[in-house]
Amino acid sequence: MSAKNDSPIFIFNEHEARYRFYDDHPFNQKRLLLTVELLRQIDALNTASILNPRFAEDHELLMVHSKDYVEAVKQLSCTSPTDESIRSAGRYGLDTEDTPYFEGMHEAASMIVGGSIQAAELVMSGQHPHALHLGGGLHHALRDKGAGFCVYNDASAAISYIKNKYHCKVLYIDTDVHHGDGVQWEFYADSEVCTLSIHETGKYLFPGTGGIGERGSGDAFGKSVNIPIEPYTEDESWMECFEDALDAVVKQFRPDVIVSQHGCDAHAFDPLAHIHCSMDIYRKMPALIHQYAHEYCDGKWIALGGGGYDIWRVVPRAWSLLWLEMNDHLLVAELSKNPELPLPVDWHNKHAKDSVWPLPTTWLDPLYKWEPMPRRTIISEKNREMKNLALMYLK
């Protein structure tokens, strides 16, 4: 084992941006590069904190995917796939508008899986207390099928790696606006993994799952916890549900390690969902996870990226706040005193011309300028009801 380092580690390589379906596809990994640039602008990310992700080995992919599926991904990744492999793409969910096959797909997706497993190893071996892999968090891929922009499920692979090597109880927390279905189903009957997902209700949003009735099976009944949130939910109701659910789940399950997924598509600006939250939830949720990681898991915390489709106004700020929280950066404390703390002028000016909408000038959103949502009270009451029902059968 290498010597322990008290600083978090940031898994990143610019080549992760090669995970790219087509030019106009909403999943655009340029957001990774924008986030890294923003963190460097404020001297919050140095070279010593960054580690290149490695490629996953086949046996690591096979922990959570079938051999046939991995082989199909490889075949479709070629410059000129065979007619037979193209005909089989639909069987594996790789011919849809959301998740179409592309050249180099296996290599790009394998690097994402390898990076998340690497993050898990660095934390579990004690080399670092926390690890962040923003390229990861592809939580929709299933054992035999790609879906929802996800080819391989790196979150499931990292959890399986932890279980197989370290035999620990893993709490998986998913804050993406879309239900973390792939991870849930992979561990649905596993009593040593608890999955907690807060997301917009599947009545109106992909993947259509994540109801409170999905609670786990067999000995794992009660280990799958879903908090479906109503459209147009705002900060206060979202955070009430998240705080109450996380507190109850952690105290009941008492995990050895936390793996969290930080999709930032519950923001009001995100084009693919209907939640009306602000940047403030992306300051508060990581702070709560950080707190519980130290209280229950000796600090062991692996964080992954995820969704987020306003790559200019939302993702760089949200993901930067996550890294700043992991590092106990002074800016986090400053934001609690001054919510109008400005973004670096150079970063803003450089990218303002590229964003379709005006770029924010502050880290947090000026909520005093936002109009409250109609039916706020009704929405909050419905969310509270769903949250209370979801927590009834914790085990």
Protein backbone atom coordinates (compact mmCIF):
# COMPACT_ATOMS: atom_id res chain seq x y z
CA MET A 1 0.00 0.00 0.00
CA SER A 2 1.25 3.47 -0.83
CA ALA A 3 1.65 6.11 1.85
CA LYS A 4 -1.58 7.78 2.92
CA ASN A 5 -2.34 11.22 1.51
CA ASP A 6 -4.81 13.37 3.42
CA SER A 7 -5.88 15.20 0.27
CA PRO A 8 -8.67 14.07 -2.09
CA ILE A 9 -7.69 12.81 -5.54
CA PHE A 10 -9.18 14.04 -8.83
CA ILE A 11 -9.36 11.41 -11.58
CA PHE A 12 -9.25 13.11 -14.96
CA ASN A 13 -7.86 12.95 -18.47
CA GLU A 14 -8.90 15.22 -21.33
CA HIS A 15 -9.29 12.08 -23.47
CA GLU A 16 -12.44 11.26 -21.50
CA ALA A 17 -14.08 13.85 -23.74
CA ARG A 18 -13.82 11.22 -26.52
CA TYR A 19 -16.92 9.62 -25.03
CA ARG A 20 -19.06 11.41 -27.60
CA PHE A 21 -22.02 10.16 -29.63
CA TYR A 22 -22.45 12.87 -32.29
CA ASP A 23 -22.06 16.63 -32.61
CA ASP A 24 -25.51 17.74 -31.44
CA HIS A 25 -25.99 15.06 -28.80
CA PRO A 26 -26.88 16.54 -25.39
CA PHE A 27 -24.22 14.46 -23.59
CA ASN A 28 -21.23 16.71 -24.18
CA GLN A 29 -18.07 16.03 -22.19
CA LYS A 30 -16.74 19.49 -22.92
CA ARG A 31 -18.32 20.15 -19.53
CA LEU A 32 -15.40 18.24 -17.97
CA LEU A 33 -12.89 20.56 -19.59
CA LEU A 34 -14.87 23.65 -18.56
CA THR A 35 -15.01 22.45 -14.96
CA VAL A 36 -11.28 21.72 -14.78
CA GLU A 37 -10.51 25.12 -16.28
CA LEU A 38 -12.77 26.86 -13.74
CA LEU A 39 -11.11 25.06 -10.81
CA ARG A 40 -7.67 25.95 -12.10
CA GLN A 41 -8.70 29.59 -12.46
CA ILE A 42 -9.26 29.78 -8.71
CA ASP A 43 -6.16 27.68 -7.88
CA ALA A 44 -8.31 24.87 -6.46
CA LEU A 45 -6.89 22.10 -8.66
CA ASN A 46 -3.19 21.48 -9.14
CA THR A 47 -1.29 18.86 -11.08
CA ALA A 48 -0.41 16.90 -7.94
CA SER A 49 -4.12 16.32 -7.24
CA ILE A 50 -4.87 14.85 -10.69
CA LEU A 51 -4.45 11.22 -11.66
CA ASN A 52 -5.06 9.83 -15.15
CA PRO A 53 -7.79 7.19 -15.37
CA ARG A 54 -6.80 3.74 -16.58
CA PHE A 55 -8.73 1.44 -18.89
CA ALA A 56 -10.90 -1.21 -17.29
CA GLU A 57 -9.89 -4.81 -17.90
CA ASP A 58 -12.39 -7.21 -19.41
CA HIS A 59 -12.90 -9.12 -16.17
CA GLU A 60 -13.83 -5.84 -14.48
CA LEU A 61 -16.44 -5.07 -17.12
CA LEU A 62 -17.78 -8.61 -16.76
CA MET A 63 -18.54 -7.99 -13.09
CA VAL A 64 -21.61 -6.02 -14.22
CA HIS A 65 -22.04 -6.75 -17.94
CA SER A 66 -22.54 -9.97 -19.88
CA LYS A 67 -19.81 -11.32 -22.13
CA ASP A 68 -22.08 -11.03 -25.18
CA TYR A 69 -22.79 -7.39 -24.44
CA VAL A 70 -19.12 -6.43 -23.98
CA GLU A 71 -18.27 -8.24 -27.21
CA ALA A 72 -21.04 -6.38 -29.04
CA VAL A 73 -19.72 -3.04 -27.78
CA LYS A 74 -16.25 -3.95 -29.01
CA GLN A 75 -17.53 -4.97 -32.43
CA LEU A 76 -19.53 -1.76 -32.86
CA SER A 77 -16.53 0.34 -31.83
CA CYS A 78 -14.58 -0.53 -34.97
CA THR A 79 -14.02 1.96 -37.77
CA SER A 80 -16.12 -0.25 -40.05
CA PRO A 81 -18.42 -2.53 -38.02
CA THR A 82 -19.59 -5.68 -39.76
CA ASP A 83 -23.14 -5.89 -41.10
CA GLU A 84 -23.87 -8.58 -38.54
CA SER A 85 -22.76 -6.42 -35.60
CA ILE A 86 -24.81 -3.48 -36.92
CA ARG A 87 -27.88 -5.68 -37.17
CA SER A 88 -27.40 -6.78 -33.56
CA ALA A 89 -27.01 -3.22 -32.21
CA GLY A 90 -30.72 -2.90 -31.45
CA ARG A 91 -30.65 -6.01 -29.29
CA TYR A 92 -28.16 -4.23 -27.02
CA GLY A 93 -29.76 -0.77 -27.01
CA LEU A 94 -26.98 0.74 -29.09
CA ASP A 95 -28.94 1.93 -32.11
CA THR A 96 -31.15 4.54 -30.46
CA GLU A 97 -31.02 8.32 -30.78
CA ASP A 98 -30.03 8.52 -27.11
CA THR A 99 -27.32 5.84 -27.12
CA PRO A 100 -26.06 5.16 -30.65
CA TYR A 101 -22.83 3.26 -31.21
CA PHE A 102 -19.79 5.28 -32.27
CA GLU A 103 -16.22 4.63 -33.35
CA GLY A 104 -13.93 4.05 -30.36
CA MET A 105 -16.92 3.51 -28.05
CA HIS A 106 -15.43 0.59 -26.13
CA GLU A 107 -12.14 2.35 -25.44
CA ALA A 108 -13.83 5.58 -24.34
CA ALA A 109 -16.35 3.80 -22.10
CA SER A 110 -13.69 1.46 -20.71
CA MET A 111 -11.61 4.43 -19.59
CA ILE A 112 -14.60 5.77 -17.70
CA VAL A 113 -15.11 2.44 -15.92
CA GLY A 114 -11.41 2.17 -15.17
CA GLY A 115 -11.34 5.67 -13.71
CA SER A 116 -14.18 4.92 -11.32
CA ILE A 117 -12.63 1.63 -10.20
CA GLN A 118 -9.35 3.47 -9.72
CA ALA A 119 -11.13 6.05 -7.53
CA ALA A 120 -12.60 3.22 -5.47
CA GLU A 121 -9.22 1.52 -4.99
CA LEU A 122 -7.48 4.74 -3.92
CA VAL A 123 -10.07 5.34 -1.23
CA MET A 124 -10.54 1.76 -0.05
CA SER A 125 -6.79 1.15 0.19
CA GLY A 126 -6.45 4.21 2.41
CA GLN A 127 -4.28 6.18 -0.02
CA HIS A 128 -6.79 9.04 -0.16
CA PRO A 129 -9.84 9.85 1.98
CA HIS A 130 -11.99 10.95 -0.97
CA ALA A 131 -11.83 10.56 -4.74
CA LEU A 132 -13.70 12.37 -7.49
CA HIS A 133 -14.18 11.05 -11.01
CA LEU A 134 -16.42 13.47 -12.89
CA GLY A 135 -16.13 11.47 -16.10
CA GLY A 136 -18.04 8.67 -14.38
CA GLY A 137 -21.58 8.32 -13.11
CA LEU A 138 -23.04 6.54 -16.16
CA HIS A 139 -25.79 4.94 -14.12
CA HIS A 140 -28.35 3.81 -16.73
CA ALA A 141 -26.43 1.00 -18.47
CA LEU A 142 -27.81 -2.44 -17.69
CA ARG A 143 -26.12 -5.85 -17.72
CA ASP A 144 -27.05 -6.54 -21.35
CA LYS A 145 -28.03 -3.12 -22.64
CA GLY A 146 -26.85 0.44 -23.09
CA ALA A 147 -29.38 3.16 -22.28
CA GLY A 148 -29.75 6.82 -21.41
CA PHE A 149 -26.36 7.91 -22.87
CA CYS A 150 -24.62 5.13 -20.90
CA VAL A 151 -22.67 2.30 -22.56
CA TYR A 152 -20.98 0.74 -19.52
CA ASN A 153 -22.09 1.25 -15.92
CA ASP A 154 -18.99 2.51 -14.12
CA ALA A 155 -20.84 3.14 -10.85
CA SER A 156 -21.96 -0.50 -10.65
CA ALA A 157 -18.46 -1.67 -11.58
CA ALA A 158 -16.87 0.43 -8.82
CA ILE A 159 -19.35 -0.90 -6.25
CA SER A 160 -18.77 -4.51 -7.38
CA TYR A 161 -15.02 -3.96 -7.15
CA ILE A 162 -15.36 -2.69 -3.58
CA LYS A 163 -17.57 -5.61 -2.58
CA ASN A 164 -15.38 -8.26 -4.20
CA LYS A 165 -12.05 -7.00 -2.89
CA TYR A 166 -12.91 -5.31 0.40
CA HIS A 167 -16.19 -7.03 1.41
CA CYS A 168 -17.71 -3.77 2.61
CA LYS A 169 -21.23 -2.42 2.89
CA VAL A 170 -21.73 0.22 0.22
CA LEU A 171 -24.22 3.07 0.24
CA TYR A 172 -24.87 4.39 -3.25
CA ILE A 173 -26.41 7.88 -3.38
CA ASP A 174 -27.78 9.12 -6.70
CA THR A 175 -28.68 12.83 -7.00
CA ASP A 176 -29.21 12.85 -10.76
CA VAL A 177 -32.65 14.09 -11.85
CA HIS A 178 -33.08 10.76 -13.67
CA HIS A 179 -33.56 7.62 -11.59
CA GLY A 180 -30.39 5.58 -11.04
CA ASP A 181 -32.00 2.48 -12.51
CA GLY A 182 -28.94 0.59 -13.74
CA VAL A 183 -27.27 0.60 -10.33
CA GLN A 184 -30.48 -0.19 -8.50
CA TRP A 185 -31.29 -3.26 -10.62
CA GLU A 186 -27.71 -4.56 -10.45
CA PHE A 187 -27.86 -4.73 -6.65
CA TYR A 188 -31.59 -5.14 -6.14
CA ALA A 189 -31.17 -8.45 -4.31
CA ASP A 190 -27.87 -7.60 -2.58
CA SER A 191 -28.27 -6.83 1.13
CA GLU A 192 -24.74 -5.41 1.34
CA VAL A 193 -25.55 -2.54 -1.06
CA CYS A 194 -28.12 0.13 -0.31
CA THR A 195 -29.19 2.44 -3.15
CA LEU A 196 -30.76 5.84 -2.45
CA SER A 197 -31.98 7.81 -5.47
CA ILE A 198 -33.69 11.20 -5.44
CA HIS A 199 -35.05 12.09 -8.87
CA GLU A 200 -37.93 13.54 -10.82
CA THR A 201 -40.83 11.12 -10.83
CA GLY A 202 -40.74 8.61 -13.65
CA LYS A 203 -44.32 9.54 -14.56
CA TYR A 204 -42.90 12.22 -16.82
CA LEU A 205 -39.20 11.48 -17.26
CA PHE A 206 -36.79 8.79 -18.49
CA PRO A 207 -36.27 6.02 -17.48
CA GLY A 208 -39.79 5.80 -16.06
CA THR A 209 -38.72 3.83 -12.97
CA GLY A 210 -37.84 4.80 -9.41
CA GLY A 211 -41.22 4.56 -7.71
CA ILE A 212 -41.41 4.08 -3.96
CA GLY A 213 -42.59 0.50 -4.49
CA GLU A 214 -39.15 -0.52 -5.80
CA ARG A 215 -37.67 -1.51 -2.44
CA GLY A 216 -35.33 -4.42 -3.17
CA SER A 217 -35.98 -8.16 -3.09
CA GLY A 218 -35.32 -11.06 -0.76
CA ASP A 219 -32.88 -10.25 2.03
CA ALA A 220 -32.33 -6.87 0.35
CA PHE A 221 -35.93 -5.73 0.80
CA GLY A 222 -35.75 -2.19 2.15
CA LYS A 223 -32.26 -1.60 0.72
CA SER A 224 -33.56 0.18 -2.38
CA VAL A 225 -34.87 3.63 -1.49
CA ASN A 226 -36.42 5.94 -4.07
CA ILE A 227 -37.58 9.51 -3.54
CA PRO A 228 -39.60 10.51 -6.63
CA ILE A 229 -39.97 14.30 -6.80
CA GLU A 230 -42.72 16.28 -8.50
CA PRO A 231 -41.99 18.52 -11.52
CA TYR A 232 -41.24 22.15 -10.66
CA THR A 233 -39.94 21.28 -7.21
CA GLU A 234 -37.75 24.03 -5.77
CA ASP A 235 -34.72 24.03 -3.45
CA GLU A 236 -36.44 23.89 -0.08
CA SER A 237 -38.59 20.85 -0.84
CA TRP A 238 -35.80 19.00 -2.69
CA MET A 239 -33.39 19.50 0.22
CA GLU A 240 -35.98 18.56 2.84
CA CYS A 241 -36.54 15.24 1.09
CA PHE A 242 -32.84 14.62 0.51
CA GLU A 243 -31.79 15.48 4.06
CA ASP A 244 -34.47 13.37 5.74
CA ALA A 245 -33.90 10.39 3.45
CA LEU A 246 -30.11 10.45 3.70
CA ASP A 247 -30.21 10.78 7.49
CA ALA A 248 -32.61 7.85 7.86
CA VAL A 249 -30.79 5.62 5.38
CA VAL A 250 -27.30 6.20 6.79
CA LYS A 251 -28.39 5.61 10.37
CA GLN A 252 -30.26 2.44 9.46
CA PHE A 253 -27.78 0.93 6.98
CA ARG A 254 -24.53 2.16 8.61
CA PRO A 255 -22.33 1.85 5.49
CA ASP A 256 -18.59 1.29 5.36
CA VAL A 257 -18.18 3.53 2.30
CA ILE A 258 -20.26 5.96 0.27
CA VAL A 259 -20.32 6.03 -3.54
CA SER A 260 -22.26 9.05 -4.80
CA GLN A 261 -23.40 10.11 -8.25
CA HIS A 262 -23.64 13.85 -8.89
CA GLY A 263 -25.72 14.49 -11.95
CA CYS A 264 -26.57 18.20 -11.88
CA ASP A 265 -29.63 18.13 -14.12
CA ALA A 266 -32.19 19.01 -11.41
CA HIS A 267 -31.24 22.63 -11.99
CA ALA A 268 -33.93 24.90 -13.42
CA PHE A 269 -31.76 25.64 -16.48
CA ASP A 270 -31.35 21.99 -17.49
CA PRO A 271 -33.11 21.34 -20.82
CA LEU A 272 -33.96 17.66 -20.26
CA ALA A 273 -36.00 17.74 -17.03
CA HIS A 274 -38.65 19.75 -15.18
CA ILE A 275 -37.24 20.43 -11.70
CA HIS A 276 -36.75 24.07 -10.68
CA CYS A 277 -33.83 23.94 -8.26
CA SER A 278 -30.93 26.38 -8.08
CA MET A 279 -27.18 26.00 -7.66
CA ASP A 280 -27.65 26.03 -3.89
CA ILE A 281 -28.60 22.33 -3.79
CA TYR A 282 -25.25 21.53 -5.41
CA ARG A 283 -23.54 23.27 -2.53
CA LYS A 284 -25.64 21.61 0.18
CA MET A 285 -25.93 17.99 -1.01
CA PRO A 286 -22.16 17.32 -1.17
CA ALA A 287 -21.77 18.93 2.26
CA LEU A 288 -24.25 16.46 3.76
CA ILE A 289 -22.64 13.47 2.06
CA HIS A 290 -19.22 14.66 3.22
CA GLN A 291 -20.48 14.93 6.81
CA TYR A 292 -21.93 11.42 6.86
CA ALA A 293 -18.84 9.94 5.19
CA HIS A 294 -16.76 11.14 8.13
CA GLU A 295 -19.34 10.22 10.78
CA TYR A 296 -19.98 6.67 9.57
CA CYS A 297 -17.34 5.64 7.00
CA ASP A 298 -14.05 6.95 8.35
CA GLY A 299 -14.20 9.51 5.55
CA LYS A 300 -14.41 6.95 2.73
CA TRP A 301 -16.20 8.73 -0.12
CA ILE A 302 -16.05 8.09 -3.87
CA ALA A 303 -17.91 10.68 -5.97
CA LEU A 304 -18.80 10.41 -9.64
CA GLY A 305 -20.24 12.77 -12.24
CA GLY A 306 -23.45 12.05 -14.14
CA GLY A 307 -26.07 14.02 -16.02
CA GLY A 308 -26.05 17.74 -16.67
CA TYR A 309 -26.92 19.20 -20.04
CA ASP A 310 -26.52 22.93 -19.61
CA ILE A 311 -22.77 22.63 -19.94
CA TRP A 312 -22.11 26.38 -19.68
CA ARG A 313 -24.35 27.80 -16.96
CA VAL A 314 -24.76 24.82 -14.65
CA VAL A 315 -22.28 21.94 -14.84
CA PRO A 316 -18.95 23.76 -14.28
CA ARG A 317 -20.29 25.57 -11.22
CA ALA A 318 -22.01 22.50 -9.71
CA TRP A 319 -19.09 20.13 -10.20
CA SER A 320 -16.59 22.71 -8.99
CA LEU A 321 -18.61 23.14 -5.79
CA LEU A 322 -18.40 19.36 -5.27
CA TRP A 323 -14.60 19.37 -5.50
CA LEU A 324 -14.37 22.44 -3.27
CA GLU A 325 -16.49 20.68 -0.62
CA MET A 326 -14.30 17.58 -0.80
CA ASN A 327 -11.28 19.78 -0.07
CA ASP A 328 -12.86 21.92 2.65
CA HIS A 329 -11.95 24.89 0.46
CA LEU A 330 -12.35 28.35 1.97
CA LEU A 331 -14.68 29.38 -0.86
CA VAL A 332 -17.37 27.02 0.50
CA ALA A 333 -17.47 28.87 3.81
CA GLU A 334 -17.40 32.21 2.01
CA LEU A 335 -20.47 31.26 -0.04
CA SER A 336 -22.52 30.67 3.11
CA LYS A 337 -21.78 34.27 4.09
CA ASN A 338 -21.87 35.84 0.64
CA PRO A 339 -24.14 34.04 -1.87
CA GLU A 340 -23.25 36.66 -4.50
CA LEU A 341 -19.57 35.69 -4.60
CA PRO A 342 -18.43 36.27 -8.21
CA LEU A 343 -17.03 33.70 -10.61
CA PRO A 344 -13.55 34.40 -11.95
CA VAL A 345 -13.85 37.19 -14.50
CA ASP A 346 -11.34 35.64 -16.92
CA TRP A 347 -13.22 32.33 -17.06
CA HIS A 348 -16.55 34.08 -17.51
CA ASN A 349 -15.33 36.40 -20.24
CA LYS A 350 -13.60 33.61 -22.14
CA HIS A 351 -16.73 31.45 -22.40
CA ALA A 352 -19.56 34.00 -22.40
CA LYS A 353 -19.51 34.19 -26.19
CA ASP A 354 -19.99 30.42 -26.56
CA SER A 355 -23.07 30.06 -24.36
CA VAL A 356 -26.45 30.50 -26.03
CA TRP A 357 -27.75 32.05 -22.80
CA PRO A 358 -25.95 34.73 -20.72
CA LEU A 359 -23.44 33.10 -18.41
CA PRO A 360 -23.94 33.63 -14.66
CA THR A 361 -21.46 35.98 -13.02
CA THR A 362 -21.77 34.43 -9.53
CA TRP A 363 -21.21 30.97 -8.06
CA LEU A 364 -24.77 30.74 -6.75
CA ASP A 365 -27.96 31.85 -8.46
CA PRO A 366 -29.66 35.15 -7.50
CA LEU A 367 -32.85 33.56 -6.18
CA TYR A 368 -34.35 36.92 -5.28
CA LYS A 369 -34.72 37.46 -9.04
CA TRP A 370 -36.49 34.14 -9.63
CA GLU A 371 -40.26 33.96 -9.62
CA PRO A 372 -41.65 31.27 -7.28
CA MET A 373 -43.31 28.32 -8.93
CA PRO A 374 -47.12 28.11 -8.92
CA ARG A 375 -48.55 25.35 -6.68
CA ARG A 376 -45.44 25.48 -4.49
CA THR A 377 -47.29 24.30 -1.37
CA ILE A 378 -49.08 21.45 -3.16
CA ILE A 379 -45.82 20.27 -4.77
CA SER A 380 -43.98 20.33 -1.42
CA GLU A 381 -46.77 18.41 0.33
CA LYS A 382 -46.76 15.73 -2.38
CA ASN A 383 -42.99 15.38 -2.13
CA ARG A 384 -43.18 15.07 1.64
CA GLU A 385 -45.85 12.37 1.34
CA MET A 386 -43.72 10.35 -1.11
CA LYS A 387 -40.64 10.72 1.04
CA ASN A 388 -42.43 9.51 4.16
CA LEU A 389 -43.84 6.51 2.31
CA ALA A 390 -40.42 5.68 0.86
CA LEU A 391 -38.83 5.57 4.31
CA MET A 392 -41.49 3.35 5.90
CA TYR A 393 -39.78 0.06 5.04
CA LEU A 394 -36.11 0.82 5.67
CA LYS A 395 -34.26 -2.30 6.66
